[in-house]
C-alpha atoms as a PDB file:
ATOM      1  CA  MET A   1    -121.040 -65.879 -52.762  1.00  0.00           C
ATOM      2  CA  CYS A   2    -124.102 -65.945 -53.756  1.00  0.00           C
ATOM      3  CA  VAL A   3    -126.232 -62.319 -53.310  1.00  0.00           C
ATOM      4  CA  TYR A   4    -128.517 -63.867 -50.802  1.00  0.00           C
ATOM      5  CA  ASP A   5    -125.464 -64.906 -48.380  1.00  0.00           C
ATOM      6  CA  PHE A   6    -124.069 -61.684 -48.880  1.00  0.00           C
ATOM      7  CA  PHE A   7    -126.874 -59.934 -47.347  1.00  0.00           C
ATOM      8  CA  LEU A   8    -127.829 -62.533 -44.647  1.00  0.00           C
ATOM      9  CA  ASN A   9    -123.988 -62.074 -43.652  1.00  0.00           C
ATOM     10  CA  ASN A  10    -123.485 -58.600 -44.226  1.00  0.00           C
ATOM     11  CA  PHE A  11    -126.735 -56.634 -43.382  1.00  0.00           C
ATOM     12  CA  ASP A  12    -129.316 -56.680 -41.150  1.00  0.00           C
ATOM     13  CA  PRO A  13    -132.915 -56.952 -42.297  1.00  0.00           C
ATOM     14  CA  LEU A  14    -134.163 -53.822 -42.274  1.00  0.00           C
ATOM     15  CA  THR A  15    -130.943 -52.737 -43.970  1.00  0.00           C
ATOM     16  CA  VAL A  16    -132.147 -55.073 -47.268  1.00  0.00           C
ATOM     17  CA  ILE A  17    -135.155 -53.587 -47.204  1.00  0.00           C
ATOM     18  CA  PHE A  18    -134.151 -50.035 -47.456  1.00  0.00           C
ATOM     19  CA  TYR A  19    -131.904 -50.770 -50.418  1.00  0.00           C
ATOM     20  CA  LEU A  20    -134.177 -52.315 -52.184  1.00  0.00           C
ATOM     21  CA  ILE A  21    -137.129 -49.835 -51.534  1.00  0.00           C
ATOM     22  CA  VAL A  22    -134.085 -47.438 -52.850  1.00  0.00           C
ATOM     23  CA  GLY A  23    -133.857 -49.199 -55.747  1.00  0.00           C
ATOM     24  CA  PHE A  24    -137.511 -49.873 -56.756  1.00  0.00           C
ATOM     25  CA  THR A  25    -137.822 -46.118 -56.237  1.00  0.00           C
ATOM     26  CA  ALA A  26    -135.127 -44.906 -58.533  1.00  0.00           C
ATOM     27  CA  GLY A  27    -136.548 -47.478 -60.825  1.00  0.00           C
ATOM     28  CA  ILE A  28    -139.767 -45.805 -61.255  1.00  0.00           C
ATOM     29  CA  ILE A  29    -138.422 -42.285 -61.632  1.00  0.00           C
ATOM     30  CA  LYS A  30    -136.096 -43.885 -64.425  1.00  0.00           C
ATOM     31  CA  GLY A  31    -139.263 -45.649 -66.201  1.00  0.00           C
ATOM     32  CA  ILE A  32    -141.338 -42.380 -66.231  1.00  0.00           C
ATOM     33  CA  VAL A  33    -139.000 -39.712 -67.442  1.00  0.00           C
ATOM     34  CA  GLY A  34    -135.929 -42.185 -68.775  1.00  0.00           C
ATOM     35  CA  PHE A  35    -132.713 -41.399 -66.308  1.00  0.00           C
ATOM     36  CA  ALA A  36    -132.056 -40.230 -62.663  1.00  0.00           C
ATOM     37  CA  MET A  37    -131.596 -43.868 -61.429  1.00  0.00           C
ATOM     38  CA  PRO A  38    -127.397 -43.385 -60.260  1.00  0.00           C
ATOM     39  CA  MET A  39    -128.761 -39.943 -58.923  1.00  0.00           C
ATOM     40  CA  ILE A  40    -131.734 -41.288 -56.505  1.00  0.00           C
ATOM     41  CA  LEU A  41    -129.499 -44.934 -56.009  1.00  0.00           C
ATOM     42  CA  LEU A  42    -126.271 -42.451 -54.799  1.00  0.00           C
ATOM     43  CA  SER A  43    -128.609 -40.045 -52.658  1.00  0.00           C
ATOM     44  CA  GLY A  44    -130.361 -43.029 -50.862  1.00  0.00           C
ATOM     45  CA  MET A  45    -127.558 -45.450 -50.414  1.00  0.00           C
ATOM     46  CA  THR A  46    -125.217 -43.004 -48.956  1.00  0.00           C
ATOM     47  CA  LEU A  47    -126.577 -41.987 -46.166  1.00  0.00           C
ATOM     48  CA  ILE A  48    -125.749 -45.489 -44.641  1.00  0.00           C
ATOM     49  CA  MET A  49    -123.168 -46.508 -46.704  1.00  0.00           C
ATOM     50  CA  PRO A  50    -119.460 -45.201 -48.553  1.00  0.00           C
ATOM     51  CA  ALA A  51    -119.697 -43.460 -51.595  1.00  0.00           C
ATOM     52  CA  ASP A  52    -117.503 -45.479 -53.282  1.00  0.00           C
ATOM     53  CA  ALA A  53    -119.335 -48.949 -52.502  1.00  0.00           C
ATOM     54  CA  ALA A  54    -122.645 -46.898 -53.281  1.00  0.00           C
ATOM     55  CA  LEU A  55    -120.911 -45.909 -56.506  1.00  0.00           C
ATOM     56  CA  ALA A  56    -120.098 -49.562 -57.363  1.00  0.00           C
ATOM     57  CA  ALA A  57    -123.788 -50.991 -56.754  1.00  0.00           C
ATOM     58  CA  LEU A  58    -125.312 -48.814 -58.962  1.00  0.00           C
ATOM     59  CA  ILE A  59    -123.319 -50.135 -62.032  1.00  0.00           C
ATOM     60  CA  LEU A  60    -125.514 -53.560 -62.547  1.00  0.00           C
ATOM     61  CA  PRO A  61    -128.761 -52.051 -62.303  1.00  0.00           C
ATOM     62  CA  THR A  62    -127.937 -49.420 -64.256  1.00  0.00           C
ATOM     63  CA  LEU A  63    -126.468 -51.342 -66.791  1.00  0.00           C
ATOM     64  CA  PHE A  64    -129.486 -53.337 -67.051  1.00  0.00           C
ATOM     65  CA  SER A  65    -132.067 -50.853 -66.863  1.00  0.00           C
ATOM     66  CA  ASN A  66    -131.021 -49.049 -69.682  1.00  0.00           C
ATOM     67  CA  ILE A  67    -130.140 -51.927 -72.300  1.00  0.00           C
ATOM     68  CA  GLN A  68    -134.168 -53.154 -71.477  1.00  0.00           C
ATOM     69  CA  GLN A  69    -135.133 -49.033 -71.977  1.00  0.00           C
ATOM     70  CA  ALA A  70    -132.549 -48.834 -75.055  1.00  0.00           C
ATOM     71  CA  ASN A  71    -134.311 -51.779 -76.527  1.00  0.00           C
ATOM     72  CA  ALA A  72    -138.060 -51.214 -75.543  1.00  0.00           C
ATOM     73  CA  GLN A  73    -139.086 -49.985 -79.331  1.00  0.00           C
ATOM     74  CA  GLY A  74    -136.923 -52.763 -80.900  1.00  0.00           C
ATOM     75  CA  ILE A  75    -133.244 -53.268 -81.896  1.00  0.00           C
ATOM     76  CA  SER A  76    -133.614 -51.410 -85.402  1.00  0.00           C
ATOM     77  CA  SER A  77    -134.724 -48.417 -83.414  1.00  0.00           C
ATOM     78  CA  ALA A  78    -131.905 -48.286 -81.200  1.00  0.00           C
ATOM     79  CA  LEU A  79    -129.203 -48.979 -83.801  1.00  0.00           C
ATOM     80  CA  SER A  80    -131.111 -45.682 -85.521  1.00  0.00           C
ATOM     81  CA  SER A  81    -129.988 -43.641 -82.478  1.00  0.00           C
ATOM     82  CA  ILE A  82    -126.957 -45.160 -82.348  1.00  0.00           C
ATOM     83  CA  ARG A  83    -125.601 -43.926 -85.706  1.00  0.00           C
ATOM     84  CA  GLN A  84    -127.957 -40.699 -85.044  1.00  0.00           C
ATOM     85  CA  PHE A  85    -125.818 -39.657 -81.961  1.00  0.00           C
ATOM     86  CA  LYS A  86    -122.527 -41.276 -82.931  1.00  0.00           C
ATOM     87  CA  MET A  87    -120.249 -38.157 -82.269  1.00  0.00           C
ATOM     88  CA  PHE A  88    -121.849 -37.711 -78.495  1.00  0.00           C
ATOM     89  CA  LEU A  89    -121.693 -41.597 -78.154  1.00  0.00           C
ATOM     90  CA  ILE A  90    -117.543 -41.475 -79.153  1.00  0.00           C
ATOM     91  CA  ILE A  91    -116.869 -38.212 -77.623  1.00  0.00           C
ATOM     92  CA  GLY A  92    -118.775 -39.116 -74.332  1.00  0.00           C
ATOM     93  CA  ALA A  93    -117.353 -42.793 -74.359  1.00  0.00           C
ATOM     94  CA  PHE A  94    -113.686 -41.325 -74.230  1.00  0.00           C
ATOM     95  CA  PHE A  95    -114.300 -38.748 -71.466  1.00  0.00           C
ATOM     96  CA  LEU A  96    -116.412 -41.152 -68.794  1.00  0.00           C
ATOM     97  CA  LEU A  97    -113.652 -43.679 -69.432  1.00  0.00           C
ATOM     98  CA  LEU A  98    -110.990 -40.840 -68.271  1.00  0.00           C
ATOM     99  CA  GLY A  99    -113.273 -39.587 -65.590  1.00  0.00           C
ATOM    100  CA  ALA A 100    -113.685 -42.885 -64.248  1.00  0.00           C
ATOM    101  CA  LEU A 101    -109.822 -43.673 -64.174  1.00  0.00           C
ATOM    102  CA  LEU A 102    -109.116 -40.740 -62.328  1.00  0.00           C
ATOM    103  CA  THR A 103    -111.656 -40.717 -60.160  1.00  0.00           C
ATOM    104  CA  PRO A 104    -109.354 -42.056 -57.113  1.00  0.00           C
ATOM    105  CA  PHE A 105    -107.042 -39.223 -57.784  1.00  0.00           C
ATOM    106  CA  ILE A 106    -109.142 -36.199 -58.480  1.00  0.00           C
ATOM    107  CA  PRO A 107    -111.465 -34.211 -55.786  1.00  0.00           C
ATOM    108  CA  SER A 108    -115.100 -34.325 -57.305  1.00  0.00           C
ATOM    109  CA  LYS A 109    -116.843 -31.835 -55.165  1.00  0.00           C
ATOM    110  CA  LEU A 110    -115.763 -28.348 -56.972  1.00  0.00           C
ATOM    111  CA  PHE A 111    -116.611 -30.482 -60.643  1.00  0.00           C
ATOM    112  CA  LEU A 112    -120.180 -31.695 -59.100  1.00  0.00           C
ATOM    113  CA  GLY A 113    -120.808 -28.277 -57.527  1.00  0.00           C
ATOM    114  CA  VAL A 114    -120.252 -26.307 -60.909  1.00  0.00           C
ATOM    115  CA  MET A 115    -122.514 -28.982 -63.023  1.00  0.00           C
ATOM    116  CA  GLY A 116    -125.222 -28.662 -60.518  1.00  0.00           C
ATOM    117  CA  CYS A 117    -125.225 -24.919 -60.987  1.00  0.00           C
ATOM    118  CA  LEU A 118    -124.775 -25.127 -64.146  1.00  0.00           C
ATOM    119  CA  ILE A 119    -128.481 -27.768 -64.699  1.00  0.00           C
ATOM    120  CA  VAL A 120    -130.182 -26.060 -62.070  1.00  0.00           C
ATOM    121  CA  SER A 121    -129.735 -22.788 -64.405  1.00  0.00           C
ATOM    122  CA  PHE A 122    -131.031 -24.311 -67.502  1.00  0.00           C
ATOM    123  CA  SER A 123    -133.930 -25.974 -65.724  1.00  0.00           C
ATOM    124  CA  LEU A 124    -135.334 -22.745 -64.604  1.00  0.00           C
ATOM    125  CA  LEU A 125    -134.639 -20.818 -67.202  1.00  0.00           C
ATOM    126  CA  GLN A 126    -136.777 -23.997 -69.594  1.00  0.00           C
ATOM    127  CA  ILE A 127    -139.675 -23.839 -67.069  1.00  0.00           C
ATOM    128  CA  LEU A 128    -139.321 -20.063 -65.941  1.00  0.00           C
ATOM    129  CA  GLY A 129    -138.572 -18.471 -69.462  1.00  0.00           C
ATOM    130  CA  PRO A 130    -137.943 -18.791 -72.924  1.00  0.00           C
ATOM    131  CA  LYS A 131    -137.085 -21.834 -74.439  1.00  0.00           C
ATOM    132  CA  PHE A 132    -133.072 -22.742 -74.896  1.00  0.00           C
ATOM    133  CA  GLN A 133    -132.836 -24.590 -78.229  1.00  0.00           C
ATOM    134  CA  ILE A 134    -129.770 -26.462 -80.461  1.00  0.00           C
ATOM    135  CA  ASN A 135    -129.916 -27.127 -83.785  1.00  0.00           C
ATOM    136  CA  ARG A 136    -129.201 -31.013 -84.554  1.00  0.00           C
ATOM    137  CA  SER A 137    -125.972 -29.899 -86.785  1.00  0.00           C
ATOM    138  CA  ASN A 138    -124.423 -28.254 -83.981  1.00  0.00           C
ATOM    139  CA  ARG A 139    -121.395 -29.741 -83.576  1.00  0.00           C
ATOM    140  CA  VAL A 140    -119.715 -27.390 -81.038  1.00  0.00           C
ATOM    141  CA  ALA A 141    -122.750 -27.912 -78.509  1.00  0.00           C
ATOM    142  CA  THR A 142    -122.647 -31.574 -79.320  1.00  0.00           C
ATOM    143  CA  VAL A 143    -118.598 -32.062 -78.376  1.00  0.00           C
ATOM    144  CA  CYS A 144    -119.251 -29.531 -74.994  1.00  0.00           C
ATOM    145  CA  PHE A 145    -122.198 -31.992 -73.647  1.00  0.00           C
ATOM    146  CA  ALA A 146    -120.858 -34.984 -74.318  1.00  0.00           C
ATOM    147  CA  ALA A 147    -117.373 -34.382 -73.294  1.00  0.00           C
ATOM    148  CA  ILE A 148    -119.315 -32.787 -69.561  1.00  0.00           C
ATOM    149  CA  SER A 149    -121.531 -35.873 -69.587  1.00  0.00           C
ATOM    150  CA  GLY A 150    -119.030 -38.759 -69.942  1.00  0.00           C
ATOM    151  CA  PHE A 151    -116.620 -36.571 -67.617  1.00  0.00           C
ATOM    152  CA  ILE A 152    -119.189 -36.211 -64.866  1.00  0.00           C
ATOM    153  CA  GLY A 153    -120.444 -39.635 -65.486  1.00  0.00           C
ATOM    154  CA  GLY A 154    -117.312 -41.312 -65.097  1.00  0.00           C
ATOM    155  CA  ILE A 155    -116.607 -39.626 -61.421  1.00  0.00           C
ATOM    156  CA  SER A 156    -119.746 -39.656 -59.872  1.00  0.00           C
ATOM    157  CA  GLY A 157    -121.832 -42.555 -62.165  1.00  0.00           C
ATOM    158  CA  VAL A 158    -124.318 -39.546 -62.386  1.00  0.00           C
ATOM    159  CA  TRP A 159    -124.339 -38.614 -66.272  1.00  0.00           C
ATOM    160  CA  GLY A 160    -128.084 -38.112 -66.567  1.00  0.00           C
ATOM    161  CA  PRO A 161    -128.620 -34.277 -65.986  1.00  0.00           C
ATOM    162  CA  PRO A 162    -126.219 -33.048 -68.928  1.00  0.00           C
ATOM    163  CA  THR A 163    -127.508 -35.668 -71.449  1.00  0.00           C
ATOM    164  CA  VAL A 164    -131.121 -34.877 -70.904  1.00  0.00           C
ATOM    165  CA  ALA A 165    -130.258 -30.833 -70.657  1.00  0.00           C
ATOM    166  CA  TYR A 166    -128.810 -31.678 -74.290  1.00  0.00           C
ATOM    167  CA  LEU A 167    -131.672 -33.617 -75.468  1.00  0.00           C
ATOM    168  CA  THR A 168    -134.325 -31.401 -74.119  1.00  0.00           C
ATOM    169  CA  ALA A 169    -132.632 -28.742 -75.759  1.00  0.00           C
ATOM    170  CA  LEU A 170    -132.946 -30.598 -79.057  1.00  0.00           C
ATOM    171  CA  ASN A 171    -136.477 -30.423 -78.409  1.00  0.00           C
ATOM    172  CA  THR A 172    -136.807 -34.529 -78.913  1.00  0.00           C
ATOM    173  CA  GLU A 173    -139.881 -36.158 -79.050  1.00  0.00           C
ATOM    174  CA  LYS A 174    -140.572 -38.200 -75.443  1.00  0.00           C
ATOM    175  CA  ASN A 175    -140.105 -41.762 -77.258  1.00  0.00           C
ATOM    176  CA  GLU A 176    -137.420 -41.003 -79.295  1.00  0.00           C
ATOM    177  CA  GLN A 177    -135.767 -39.141 -75.965  1.00  0.00           C
ATOM    178  CA  ILE A 178    -136.380 -42.198 -73.770  1.00  0.00           C
ATOM    179  CA  ARG A 179    -134.876 -44.435 -76.374  1.00  0.00           C
ATOM    180  CA  ILE A 180    -131.889 -42.512 -77.292  1.00  0.00           C
ATOM    181  CA  GLN A 181    -131.010 -41.641 -73.410  1.00  0.00           C
ATOM    182  CA  GLY A 182    -131.553 -45.826 -72.920  1.00  0.00           C
ATOM    183  CA  VAL A 183    -129.004 -46.280 -75.909  1.00  0.00           C
ATOM    184  CA  ILE A 184    -126.432 -43.623 -74.460  1.00  0.00           C
ATOM    185  CA  TYR A 185    -126.870 -44.562 -70.979  1.00  0.00           C
ATOM    186  CA  GLY A 186    -126.330 -48.466 -71.743  1.00  0.00           C
ATOM    187  CA  LEU A 187    -123.542 -47.971 -73.267  1.00  0.00           C
ATOM    188  CA  GLY A 188    -122.222 -45.112 -70.959  1.00  0.00           C
ATOM    189  CA  ALA A 189    -122.765 -48.404 -68.611  1.00  0.00           C
ATOM    190  CA  VAL A 190    -120.547 -50.674 -70.167  1.00  0.00           C
ATOM    191  CA  LEU A 191    -117.898 -48.075 -70.015  1.00  0.00           C
ATOM    192  CA  LEU A 192    -118.221 -47.480 -66.596  1.00  0.00           C
ATOM    193  CA  LEU A 193    -118.373 -51.023 -65.472  1.00  0.00           C
ATOM    194  CA  LEU A 194    -115.187 -51.418 -67.374  1.00  0.00           C
ATOM    195  CA  GLY A 195    -113.921 -48.168 -65.951  1.00  0.00           C
ATOM    196  CA  HIS A 196    -114.158 -48.878 -62.530  1.00  0.00           C
ATOM    197  CA  MET A 197    -112.906 -52.608 -62.801  1.00  0.00           C
ATOM    198  CA  LEU A 198    -109.860 -51.218 -63.943  1.00  0.00           C
ATOM    199  CA  SER A 199    -110.237 -48.438 -60.923  1.00  0.00           C
ATOM    200  CA  GLY A 200    -110.573 -50.881 -58.505  1.00  0.00           C
ATOM    201  CA  ILE A 201    -114.044 -49.671 -57.220  1.00  0.00           C
ATOM    202  CA  PHE A 202    -116.127 -52.573 -59.043  1.00  0.00           C
ATOM    203  CA  SER A 203    -115.067 -55.832 -57.574  1.00  0.00           C
ATOM    204  CA  TRP A 204    -115.938 -59.285 -56.109  1.00  0.00           C
ATOM    205  CA  GLU A 205    -116.298 -57.734 -52.962  1.00  0.00           C
ATOM    206  CA  THR A 206    -118.989 -54.848 -54.210  1.00  0.00           C
ATOM    207  CA  ALA A 207    -120.638 -56.913 -56.989  1.00  0.00           C
ATOM    208  CA  PRO A 208    -122.977 -58.913 -54.972  1.00  0.00           C
ATOM    209  CA  LEU A 209    -125.166 -56.019 -53.699  1.00  0.00           C
ATOM    210  CA  SER A 210    -125.068 -54.245 -57.463  1.00  0.00           C
ATOM    211  CA  ALA A 211    -126.331 -57.718 -58.563  1.00  0.00           C
ATOM    212  CA  ALA A 212    -129.119 -57.688 -56.030  1.00  0.00           C
ATOM    213  CA  LEU A 213    -130.419 -54.642 -56.527  1.00  0.00           C
ATOM    214  CA  ILE A 214    -131.275 -55.502 -60.459  1.00  0.00           C
ATOM    215  CA  ILE A 215    -134.689 -56.940 -59.873  1.00  0.00           C
ATOM    216  CA  PRO A 216    -136.142 -54.411 -57.725  1.00  0.00           C
ATOM    217  CA  THR A 217    -134.802 -51.475 -59.935  1.00  0.00           C
ATOM    218  CA  LEU A 218    -136.243 -53.612 -63.264  1.00  0.00           C
ATOM    219  CA  PHE A 219    -139.495 -53.640 -61.625  1.00  0.00           C
ATOM    220  CA  GLY A 220    -139.478 -50.121 -60.990  1.00  0.00           C
ATOM    221  CA  VAL A 221    -138.631 -48.975 -64.594  1.00  0.00           C
ATOM    222  CA  TRP A 222    -142.038 -51.237 -65.713  1.00  0.00           C
ATOM    223  CA  VAL A 223    -144.298 -49.498 -63.251  1.00  0.00           C
ATOM    224  CA  GLY A 224    -142.576 -45.937 -64.109  1.00  0.00           C
ATOM    225  CA  THR A 225    -142.794 -47.104 -68.050  1.00  0.00           C
ATOM    226  CA  SER A 226    -146.683 -47.958 -67.367  1.00  0.00           C
ATOM    227  CA  VAL A 227    -146.965 -44.766 -65.825  1.00  0.00           C
ATOM    228  CA  ARG A 228    -145.396 -42.707 -68.894  1.00  0.00           C
ATOM    229  CA  GLY A 229    -148.088 -43.775 -70.811  1.00  0.00           C
ATOM    230  CA  CYS A 230    -150.525 -41.767 -69.390  1.00  0.00           C
ATOM    231  CA  PHE A 231    -148.325 -38.247 -70.384  1.00  0.00           C
ATOM    232  CA  ASP A 232    -148.487 -36.167 -73.209  1.00  0.00           C
ATOM    233  CA  GLN A 233    -145.458 -34.167 -74.629  1.00  0.00           C
ATOM    234  CA  LYS A 234    -145.710 -31.180 -72.658  1.00  0.00           C
ATOM    235  CA  THR A 235    -146.375 -33.107 -69.193  1.00  0.00           C
ATOM    236  CA  PHE A 236    -143.478 -35.122 -70.279  1.00  0.00           C
ATOM    237  CA  GLY A 237    -141.357 -32.031 -70.739  1.00  0.00           C
ATOM    238  CA  THR A 238    -142.369 -30.322 -67.686  1.00  0.00           C
ATOM    239  CA  THR A 239    -141.657 -33.362 -65.232  1.00  0.00           C
ATOM    240  CA  THR A 240    -138.405 -33.922 -67.164  1.00  0.00           C
ATOM    241  CA  LEU A 241    -137.659 -30.331 -66.571  1.00  0.00           C
ATOM    242  CA  LEU A 242    -138.823 -30.644 -62.870  1.00  0.00           C
ATOM    243  CA  VAL A 243    -136.735 -34.332 -61.988  1.00  0.00           C
ATOM    244  CA  LEU A 244    -133.970 -32.566 -63.763  1.00  0.00           C
ATOM    245  CA  LEU A 245    -133.913 -29.733 -61.547  1.00  0.00           C
ATOM    246  CA  ILE A 246    -133.916 -31.843 -58.603  1.00  0.00           C
ATOM    247  CA  ALA A 247    -131.340 -33.779 -60.270  1.00  0.00           C
ATOM    248  CA  GLY A 248    -128.807 -30.400 -60.223  1.00  0.00           C
ATOM    249  CA  GLY A 249    -129.770 -29.608 -56.666  1.00  0.00           C
ATOM    250  CA  ASN A 250    -128.433 -32.900 -55.626  1.00  0.00           C
ATOM    251  CA  LEU A 251    -125.239 -32.740 -57.151  1.00  0.00           C
ATOM    252  CA  ILE A 252    -125.425 -29.406 -55.269  1.00  0.00           C
ATOM    253  CA  ARG A 253    -125.700 -30.874 -52.309  1.00  0.00           C
ATOM    254  CA  ARG A 254    -122.911 -33.629 -52.918  1.00  0.00           C
ATOM    255  CA  ALA A 255    -120.593 -30.571 -53.616  1.00  0.00           C
ATOM    256  CA  TRP A 256    -121.128 -29.274 -50.798  1.00  0.00           C
ATOM    257  CA  LEU A 257    -122.175 -31.922 -47.701  1.00  0.00           C
ATOM    258  CA  GLY A 258    -120.142 -34.948 -49.311  1.00  0.00           C
END
């Protein structure tokens, strides 16, 4: 069944418009700061659909938008980012698959709540207090952030906040951070797709909505990228931390309210 037939047979026009607006909005935010698309898609779509269906729906637009983001500065730059962050990618990939396979069997609310509190605390400290920084040679920090990012991504589809916290603590330059996020999230999205094909969450029944969200999210990313071009490094950093603060608050909301 094609995407449009799926819409016509399963959703009324207002519901379809709502999903497309949520996708477009998520794309804009991602285009500006490089992350938060899964968070916004989940937050919006779970208002009127089950969480597992929303998780399935975000997989394809997340995958395609991150491929676009990773290649924005050329394939050679993307490959350079892969080499530079290979340890983070390998460890994160393992824990993402582990989290995805365990999703049907583990309660995620406690984990999401703890992670939300950590992200909110980190963001507030970065905004209001002395900057927390990590040396790129610190392997312990890399392993910890990668494991947390991968596992929370596997069980919830949202691995942006801990990843961005790590890149922000490294004081990563704006364009480099956007590219690296695209590489990390793109590879993570491939694994998320595979993991939830195995878990049964992503299937022929849930794939059409996910495919339908690709175009509005990519268009939103294009709009957001144009807006980001007007930001200097300081404005970009502040905007990133504010979105990160909201992301952490959203994880706490999901932990308390479901």
